[in-house]
Structure formats: C-alpha cells, structure tokens
Protein backbone atom coordinates (compact mmCIF):
# COMPACT_ATOMS: atom_id res chain seq x y z
CA MET A 1 0.72 -1.37 1.96
CA CYS A 2 3.66 -1.75 -0.34
CA LEU A 3 3.70 -4.57 -2.87
CA VAL A 4 6.94 -5.87 -4.34
CA SER A 5 7.37 -7.61 -7.66
CA ARG A 6 10.50 -8.98 -9.22
CA ASP A 7 11.74 -7.87 -12.62
CA GLN A 8 14.33 -10.08 -14.21
CA GLN A 9 17.11 -8.11 -15.85
CA ALA A 10 20.08 -9.54 -17.72
CA ASP A 11 23.48 -8.42 -16.53
CA SER A 12 26.65 -9.03 -18.53
CA GLN A 13 27.98 -11.25 -15.74
CA ARG A 14 24.81 -12.82 -14.31
CA ASP A 15 21.06 -12.36 -13.98
CA VAL A 16 20.18 -9.72 -11.46
CA CYS A 17 16.85 -9.74 -9.69
CA ALA A 18 15.79 -6.14 -9.16
CA LEU A 19 13.03 -5.29 -6.70
CA ARG A 20 10.43 -2.78 -7.78
CA GLN A 21 8.13 -1.45 -5.10
CA TYR A 22 4.58 -0.37 -5.86
CA PHE A 23 2.70 2.02 -3.61
CA PRO A 24 -1.06 2.65 -3.49
CA LEU A 25 -2.23 6.10 -4.59
CA TRP A 26 -5.23 6.64 -2.35
CA ASP A 27 -5.79 10.22 -3.52
CA THR A 28 -6.65 9.04 -7.05
CA ALA A 29 -8.67 5.98 -6.01
CA ASP A 30 -12.36 5.28 -6.40
CA ILE A 31 -12.98 5.26 -2.65
CA ASN A 32 -16.74 4.69 -2.94
CA ALA A 33 -16.20 1.53 -4.99
CA TYR A 34 -13.52 0.40 -2.53
CA TYR A 35 -15.89 0.87 0.45
CA HIS A 36 -18.74 -0.86 -1.36
CA TYR A 37 -16.57 -3.85 -2.27
CA CYS A 38 -15.24 -4.13 1.29
CA GLY A 39 -18.66 -3.70 2.83
CA THR A 40 -20.42 -6.34 0.76
CA ARG A 41 -17.73 -8.86 1.65
CA LEU A 42 -17.32 -7.95 5.33
CA VAL A 43 -21.03 -7.84 6.30
CA PRO A 44 -21.44 -11.66 6.15
CA LEU A 45 -18.61 -12.00 8.67
CA ILE A 46 -20.61 -10.11 11.30
CA SER A 47 -22.96 -13.04 11.87
CA GLU A 48 -20.00 -15.43 12.06
CA LEU A 49 -18.38 -13.22 14.69
CA ASP A 50 -21.66 -12.91 16.62
CA ASN A 51 -22.04 -16.70 16.65
CA LEU A 52 -18.46 -17.15 17.76
CA LEU A 53 -18.87 -14.63 20.59
CA SER A 54 -22.20 -16.08 21.75
CA ASP A 55 -20.69 -19.57 22.05
CA ASN A 56 -18.25 -18.42 24.73
CA SER A 57 -15.83 -20.94 23.32
CA TYR A 58 -13.29 -18.85 21.48
CA ILE A 59 -11.60 -21.25 19.16
CA ASN A 60 -8.26 -19.75 18.25
CA ASN A 61 -8.20 -21.40 14.84
CA ARG A 62 -11.59 -19.94 13.93
CA ILE A 63 -10.53 -16.49 15.10
CA ASP A 64 -7.41 -16.77 12.96
CA GLU A 65 -9.48 -17.86 9.96
CA ILE A 66 -11.82 -14.90 10.30
CA TYR A 67 -8.87 -12.54 10.76
CA ASN A 68 -7.16 -13.91 7.64
CA HIS A 69 -10.43 -13.60 5.70
CA ILE A 70 -10.76 -9.94 6.71
CA ILE A 71 -7.17 -9.24 5.65
CA SER A 72 -7.68 -10.97 2.29
CA ILE A 73 -10.81 -8.89 1.67
CA LEU A 74 -8.95 -5.66 2.42
CA VAL A 75 -5.96 -6.64 0.27
CA SER A 76 -8.12 -7.70 -2.69
CA SER A 77 -10.16 -4.49 -2.38
CA GLU A 78 -6.99 -2.44 -2.52
CA ARG A 79 -5.77 -4.35 -5.56
CA TYR A 80 -9.04 -3.87 -7.44
CA TYR A 81 -9.80 -0.23 -6.67
CA ILE A 82 -6.62 1.56 -5.59
CA PRO A 83 -4.13 2.34 -8.37
CA ARG A 84 -0.51 1.47 -7.67
CA HIS A 85 2.63 2.93 -9.14
CA ASN A 86 6.32 2.51 -8.56
CA LYS A 87 8.08 4.91 -6.24
CA ASN A 88 9.39 7.29 -8.91
CA PHE A 89 6.29 7.26 -11.11
CA TYR A 90 5.69 11.00 -10.83
CA LYS A 91 9.37 11.93 -11.05
CA PHE A 92 9.85 11.09 -14.73
CA CYS A 93 10.76 14.71 -15.49
CA TRP A 94 13.11 15.14 -12.51
CA ASN A 95 16.62 16.23 -13.46
CA GLU A 96 19.84 17.58 -11.95
CA GLU A 97 18.65 21.19 -12.10
CA LEU A 98 15.63 20.31 -10.00
CA ASP A 99 17.91 18.52 -7.52
CA ILE A 100 19.89 21.75 -7.13
CA LEU A 101 16.72 23.81 -6.68
CA LYS A 102 15.44 21.34 -4.10
CA GLN A 103 18.72 21.50 -2.16
CA ASP A 104 18.65 25.31 -2.26
CA ALA A 105 15.08 25.30 -0.94
CA ILE A 106 16.07 22.99 1.91
CA GLU A 107 19.01 25.21 2.85
CA SER A 108 16.80 28.33 2.73
CA LEU A 109 14.26 26.65 4.99
CA LYS A 110 16.97 25.69 7.46
CA LEU A 111 18.16 29.31 7.47
CA ILE A 112 14.65 30.57 8.16
CA VAL A 113 13.83 27.98 10.82
CA TYR A 114 17.16 27.64 12.61
CA GLY A 115 18.79 30.95 11.69
CA LYS A 116 22.00 29.20 10.65
C-alpha cells in the first residue's frame, strides 16, 4: 500500500502542491505486533460471518460492511506497526558518481547476459 500526503510549497508564481509518496518497510516492521493487532480485531468478525452464512440470506450491505471493516483493520494495523518512508529515504547519499557506477554495472550485465 502506498500512502500519499500533500506538502504545500511556496513557488514564486503560485502555490504548488507536491505529492510525496510513503511506502511501508515490511522488512523493518514488528510483524508479531502487527499480527497480534490484526488477530485480536479480526477474530470477533468470525462469529458475524458465521451468523451471516447460516442465515442463507446474504445481505449485500452487510457483506460490504464486514469487508470495509476488515480493510480498515488491515490499514490501521499497517499504520500502527509498519514504518513508512518516502521513496528516496535510503538514497540520501546518492550522487552523480554512483549514477555512473550504476549505469556501468547495468551495461556490464547486459554484456554478460546478451553478449552485446
């Protein structure tokens, strides 16, 4: 999931609304806390789903409500326990020299793989 926030920046001519995208970093997250939070909030929905299925009257609105509740639990869990950073968070030390090295590495790989 990618979350977008708006940062207001002043431009000499007009205000510009710049979009900054934030991405979850699952590899640094507290996964056990995330699972626990999700589990404790999703378990009560099991009985609601069982009741809905045993009625044999699938009310579309109720199904949509339960679906939206599940999604809100997952989104709030991600917000609480999964750190988010902007796209270039780990590239603060990237410079032109590293761009050249990266391009050289790509060209070397192409030569090895394709022989061109």
